[in-house]
Amino acid sequence: MSARKSGLQREVLALYRRALRMVRTKPALTQPKFLLFLRYTFHTQASSVSPRDVAAIEHLLRRGRRQLEMYEQPSVRDCQISQAMRDWEQSRRELRTTSQ
């Protein structure tokens, strides 16, 4: 049984779920790129801020909502993936493979 989530935790999870729903609205060929962008962005932003830094989390939430509104536009059909994102994904896959 998990502990109750704070209001900020619920907001972050709601933003992540909304972003996952946005990915499903994009063309099938670009969905993996959007998903990698989403996962990488949330991971790097989460690791860059202390869980106790409420002001920084609220700022990231506002910035994330604005960015998501932009990506939700039907005219946005693709996104750029950096080499750092690809490397991060590859390292995550290798970690999963070696831990199994």
N, C-alpha and C. Protein backbone atom coordinates (compact mmCIF):
# COMPACT_ATOMS: atom_id res chain seq x y z
N MET A 1 0.84 -1.17 0.00
CA MET A 1 0.00 0.00 0.00
C MET A 1 0.89 1.24 0.00
N SER A 2 0.64 2.15 -0.90
CA SER A 2 1.48 3.35 -1.01
C SER A 2 0.97 4.45 -0.08
N ALA A 3 1.89 5.33 0.25
CA ALA A 3 1.53 6.46 1.10
C ALA A 3 0.69 7.46 0.31
N ARG A 4 -0.05 8.29 1.03
CA ARG A 4 -0.84 9.33 0.36
C ARG A 4 0.10 10.29 -0.35
N LYS A 5 -0.32 10.75 -1.47
CA LYS A 5 0.49 11.67 -2.26
C LYS A 5 0.13 13.11 -1.91
N SER A 6 1.14 13.96 -1.93
CA SER A 6 0.90 15.38 -1.67
C SER A 6 0.23 16.01 -2.89
N GLY A 7 -0.23 17.23 -2.72
CA GLY A 7 -0.86 17.93 -3.83
C GLY A 7 0.08 18.12 -5.01
N LEU A 8 1.36 18.45 -4.72
CA LEU A 8 2.33 18.62 -5.79
C LEU A 8 2.60 17.31 -6.51
N GLN A 9 2.70 16.22 -5.76
CA GLN A 9 2.92 14.92 -6.39
C GLN A 9 1.77 14.57 -7.33
N ARG A 10 0.54 14.86 -6.88
CA ARG A 10 -0.62 14.58 -7.73
C ARG A 10 -0.59 15.45 -8.99
N GLU A 11 -0.16 16.71 -8.85
CA GLU A 11 -0.08 17.59 -10.01
C GLU A 11 0.96 17.11 -11.01
N VAL A 12 2.10 16.66 -10.51
CA VAL A 12 3.16 16.15 -11.39
C VAL A 12 2.66 14.90 -12.12
N LEU A 13 2.03 14.00 -11.40
CA LEU A 13 1.51 12.78 -12.03
C LEU A 13 0.42 13.10 -13.04
N ALA A 14 -0.42 14.07 -12.74
CA ALA A 14 -1.48 14.46 -13.68
C ALA A 14 -0.86 15.05 -14.96
N LEU A 15 0.20 15.85 -14.80
CA LEU A 15 0.88 16.41 -15.97
C LEU A 15 1.51 15.29 -16.81
N TYR A 16 2.11 14.31 -16.14
CA TYR A 16 2.73 13.19 -16.86
C TYR A 16 1.67 12.37 -17.61
N ARG A 17 0.54 12.10 -16.97
CA ARG A 17 -0.54 11.36 -17.64
C ARG A 17 -1.09 12.13 -18.83
N ARG A 18 -1.24 13.44 -18.66
CA ARG A 18 -1.71 14.29 -19.77
C ARG A 18 -0.72 14.23 -20.93
N ALA A 19 0.57 14.25 -20.61
CA ALA A 19 1.60 14.17 -21.66
C ALA A 19 1.56 12.81 -22.35
N LEU A 20 1.34 11.74 -21.60
CA LEU A 20 1.23 10.42 -22.22
C LEU A 20 0.03 10.35 -23.17
N ARG A 21 -1.07 10.99 -22.78
CA ARG A 21 -2.23 11.03 -23.67
C ARG A 21 -1.93 11.84 -24.92
N MET A 22 -1.14 12.90 -24.78
CA MET A 22 -0.74 13.72 -25.93
C MET A 22 0.06 12.87 -26.91
N VAL A 23 0.93 12.02 -26.41
CA VAL A 23 1.77 11.18 -27.28
C VAL A 23 0.89 10.33 -28.19
N ARG A 24 -0.21 9.81 -27.64
CA ARG A 24 -1.10 8.94 -28.44
C ARG A 24 -1.80 9.69 -29.56
N THR A 25 -1.83 11.02 -29.51
CA THR A 25 -2.50 11.80 -30.56
C THR A 25 -1.57 12.09 -31.74
N LYS A 26 -0.29 11.76 -31.60
CA LYS A 26 0.69 12.07 -32.64
C LYS A 26 0.78 10.92 -33.63
N PRO A 27 1.34 11.17 -34.83
CA PRO A 27 1.47 10.09 -35.82
C PRO A 27 2.26 8.91 -35.26
N ALA A 28 1.88 7.72 -35.68
CA ALA A 28 2.48 6.49 -35.13
C ALA A 28 3.99 6.46 -35.29
N LEU A 29 4.50 6.98 -36.37
CA LEU A 29 5.95 6.94 -36.59
C LEU A 29 6.72 7.85 -35.63
N THR A 30 6.08 8.89 -35.16
CA THR A 30 6.78 9.83 -34.27
C THR A 30 6.47 9.61 -32.80
N GLN A 31 5.55 8.74 -32.47
CA GLN A 31 5.19 8.50 -31.07
C GLN A 31 6.38 8.05 -30.23
N PRO A 32 7.25 7.14 -30.72
CA PRO A 32 8.41 6.76 -29.90
C PRO A 32 9.33 7.95 -29.59
N LYS A 33 9.46 8.87 -30.52
CA LYS A 33 10.29 10.06 -30.26
C LYS A 33 9.67 10.95 -29.19
N PHE A 34 8.36 11.15 -29.29
CA PHE A 34 7.68 11.96 -28.27
C PHE A 34 7.77 11.29 -26.90
N LEU A 35 7.63 9.98 -26.87
CA LEU A 35 7.70 9.26 -25.60
C LEU A 35 9.09 9.36 -24.99
N LEU A 36 10.12 9.20 -25.80
CA LEU A 36 11.49 9.34 -25.30
C LEU A 36 11.71 10.76 -24.79
N PHE A 37 11.27 11.75 -25.54
CA PHE A 37 11.40 13.15 -25.11
C PHE A 37 10.71 13.36 -23.77
N LEU A 38 9.52 12.83 -23.62
CA LEU A 38 8.74 12.96 -22.40
C LEU A 38 9.45 12.31 -21.22
N ARG A 39 9.85 11.06 -21.39
CA ARG A 39 10.50 10.32 -20.30
C ARG A 39 11.82 10.98 -19.89
N TYR A 40 12.62 11.36 -20.87
CA TYR A 40 13.91 11.99 -20.59
C TYR A 40 13.71 13.33 -19.88
N THR A 41 12.78 14.13 -20.35
CA THR A 41 12.54 15.43 -19.76
C THR A 41 12.09 15.31 -18.31
N PHE A 42 11.13 14.44 -18.05
CA PHE A 42 10.66 14.27 -16.68
C PHE A 42 11.77 13.74 -15.78
N HIS A 43 12.54 12.79 -16.29
CA HIS A 43 13.60 12.20 -15.48
C HIS A 43 14.67 13.24 -15.13
N THR A 44 15.14 13.98 -16.13
CA THR A 44 16.20 14.95 -15.87
C THR A 44 15.71 16.10 -15.01
N GLN A 45 14.48 16.55 -15.23
CA GLN A 45 13.96 17.64 -14.40
C GLN A 45 13.76 17.17 -12.96
N ALA A 46 13.28 15.95 -12.78
CA ALA A 46 13.05 15.43 -11.43
C ALA A 46 14.37 15.27 -10.68
N SER A 47 15.41 14.85 -11.37
CA SER A 47 16.69 14.65 -10.69
C SER A 47 17.44 15.96 -10.45
N SER A 48 16.97 17.05 -11.05
CA SER A 48 17.67 18.33 -10.91
C SER A 48 17.12 19.19 -9.78
N VAL A 49 16.06 18.74 -9.14
CA VAL A 49 15.43 19.56 -8.11
C VAL A 49 15.16 18.71 -6.87
N SER A 50 15.32 19.32 -5.71
CA SER A 50 15.06 18.64 -4.45
C SER A 50 13.55 18.47 -4.26
N PRO A 51 13.13 17.33 -3.72
CA PRO A 51 11.69 17.14 -3.45
C PRO A 51 11.14 18.17 -2.46
N ARG A 52 12.00 18.80 -1.70
CA ARG A 52 11.56 19.79 -0.70
C ARG A 52 11.51 21.21 -1.26
N ASP A 53 12.00 21.40 -2.47
CA ASP A 53 12.03 22.72 -3.09
C ASP A 53 10.71 22.98 -3.82
N VAL A 54 9.72 23.38 -3.06
CA VAL A 54 8.36 23.54 -3.58
C VAL A 54 8.29 24.60 -4.67
N ALA A 55 9.00 25.70 -4.48
CA ALA A 55 8.95 26.79 -5.47
C ALA A 55 9.50 26.32 -6.81
N ALA A 56 10.60 25.56 -6.78
CA ALA A 56 11.18 25.06 -8.03
C ALA A 56 10.25 24.06 -8.71
N ILE A 57 9.61 23.21 -7.93
CA ILE A 57 8.68 22.23 -8.49
C ILE A 57 7.48 22.94 -9.12
N GLU A 58 6.96 23.95 -8.43
CA GLU A 58 5.83 24.70 -8.99
C GLU A 58 6.24 25.40 -10.29
N HIS A 59 7.46 25.93 -10.33
CA HIS A 59 7.96 26.57 -11.55
C HIS A 59 8.05 25.55 -12.69
N LEU A 60 8.59 24.37 -12.40
CA LEU A 60 8.71 23.33 -13.43
C LEU A 60 7.33 22.86 -13.90
N LEU A 61 6.37 22.82 -12.99
CA LEU A 61 5.01 22.45 -13.37
C LEU A 61 4.41 23.47 -14.34
N ARG A 62 4.57 24.75 -14.01
CA ARG A 62 4.05 25.80 -14.91
C ARG A 62 4.73 25.73 -16.27
N ARG A 63 6.04 25.58 -16.26
CA ARG A 63 6.79 25.50 -17.52
C ARG A 63 6.38 24.25 -18.31
N GLY A 64 6.19 23.14 -17.60
CA GLY A 64 5.78 21.90 -18.25
C GLY A 64 4.39 22.01 -18.87
N ARG A 65 3.48 22.66 -18.17
CA ARG A 65 2.13 22.84 -18.72
C ARG A 65 2.15 23.67 -20.00
N ARG A 66 2.92 24.76 -19.97
CA ARG A 66 3.02 25.61 -21.17
C ARG A 66 3.64 24.85 -22.33
N GLN A 67 4.68 24.08 -22.04
CA GLN A 67 5.33 23.30 -23.10
C GLN A 67 4.38 22.24 -23.64
N LEU A 68 3.64 21.59 -22.75
CA LEU A 68 2.70 20.56 -23.18
C LEU A 68 1.59 21.16 -24.04
N GLU A 69 1.10 22.34 -23.67
CA GLU A 69 0.08 23.00 -24.49
C GLU A 69 0.59 23.23 -25.91
N MET A 70 1.86 23.57 -26.01
CA MET A 70 2.45 23.77 -27.34
C MET A 70 2.49 22.45 -28.11
N TYR A 71 2.94 21.39 -27.45
CA TYR A 71 3.05 20.08 -28.12
C TYR A 71 1.68 19.47 -28.42
N GLU A 72 0.65 19.86 -27.69
CA GLU A 72 -0.68 19.32 -27.94
C GLU A 72 -1.31 19.88 -29.22
N GLN A 73 -0.77 20.94 -29.75
CA GLN A 73 -1.30 21.53 -30.98
C GLN A 73 -1.25 20.50 -32.11
N PRO A 74 -2.33 20.37 -32.88
CA PRO A 74 -2.34 19.39 -33.98
C PRO A 74 -1.26 19.66 -35.04
N SER A 75 -0.82 20.90 -35.14
CA SER A 75 0.20 21.21 -36.14
C SER A 75 1.58 20.66 -35.76
N VAL A 76 1.78 20.33 -34.49
CA VAL A 76 3.04 19.73 -34.05
C VAL A 76 2.95 18.23 -34.30
N ARG A 77 3.74 17.76 -35.25
CA ARG A 77 3.65 16.35 -35.64
C ARG A 77 4.94 15.57 -35.39
N ASP A 78 6.00 16.27 -34.97
CA ASP A 78 7.28 15.62 -34.74
C ASP A 78 8.07 16.42 -33.71
N CYS A 79 9.07 15.80 -33.12
CA CYS A 79 9.95 16.50 -32.18
C CYS A 79 11.38 16.04 -32.40
N GLN A 80 12.30 16.89 -32.01
CA GLN A 80 13.72 16.56 -32.16
C GLN A 80 14.21 15.80 -30.94
N ILE A 81 15.01 14.78 -31.19
CA ILE A 81 15.61 13.98 -30.13
C ILE A 81 17.12 14.21 -30.18
N SER A 82 17.70 14.60 -29.06
CA SER A 82 19.13 14.87 -29.02
C SER A 82 19.91 13.56 -28.83
N GLN A 83 21.19 13.64 -29.08
CA GLN A 83 22.04 12.47 -28.87
C GLN A 83 22.08 12.11 -27.39
N ALA A 84 22.02 13.11 -26.52
CA ALA A 84 21.99 12.84 -25.07
C ALA A 84 20.77 12.01 -24.70
N MET A 85 19.63 12.29 -25.33
CA MET A 85 18.42 11.51 -25.05
C MET A 85 18.59 10.06 -25.52
N ARG A 86 19.17 9.90 -26.70
CA ARG A 86 19.39 8.54 -27.22
C ARG A 86 20.36 7.77 -26.32
N ASP A 87 21.42 8.44 -25.88
CA ASP A 87 22.39 7.80 -24.99
C ASP A 87 21.74 7.42 -23.66
N TRP A 88 20.91 8.31 -23.14
CA TRP A 88 20.21 8.03 -21.88
C TRP A 88 19.32 6.79 -22.03
N GLU A 89 18.58 6.74 -23.14
CA GLU A 89 17.70 5.59 -23.38
C GLU A 89 18.51 4.30 -23.49
N GLN A 90 19.63 4.36 -24.20
CA GLN A 90 20.47 3.18 -24.36
C GLN A 90 21.02 2.71 -23.02
N SER A 91 21.45 3.64 -22.18
CA SER A 91 21.99 3.25 -20.87
C SER A 91 20.89 2.64 -20.00
N ARG A 92 19.67 3.17 -20.10
CA ARG A 92 18.55 2.60 -19.34
C ARG A 92 18.25 1.17 -19.79
N ARG A 93 18.30 0.95 -21.10
CA ARG A 93 18.06 -0.40 -21.63
C ARG A 93 19.13 -1.36 -21.15
N GLU A 94 20.38 -0.92 -21.16
CA GLU A 94 21.47 -1.78 -20.71
C GLU A 94 21.34 -2.11 -19.23
N LEU A 95 20.92 -1.14 -18.43
CA LEU A 95 20.72 -1.40 -17.01
C LEU A 95 19.63 -2.43 -16.79
N ARG A 96 18.53 -2.33 -17.55
CA ARG A 96 17.43 -3.30 -17.42
C ARG A 96 17.88 -4.68 -17.83
N THR A 97 18.68 -4.75 -18.89
CA THR A 97 19.14 -6.04 -19.39
C THR A 97 20.06 -6.72 -18.40
N THR A 98 21.00 -5.98 -17.81
CA THR A 98 21.94 -6.57 -16.88
C THR A 98 21.32 -6.91 -15.54
N SER A 99 20.25 -6.24 -15.15
CA SER A 99 19.61 -6.50 -13.86
C SER A 99 18.63 -7.67 -13.91
N GLN A 100 18.34 -8.17 -15.10
CA GLN A 100 17.37 -9.27 -15.21
C GLN A 100 18.01 -10.61 -15.07
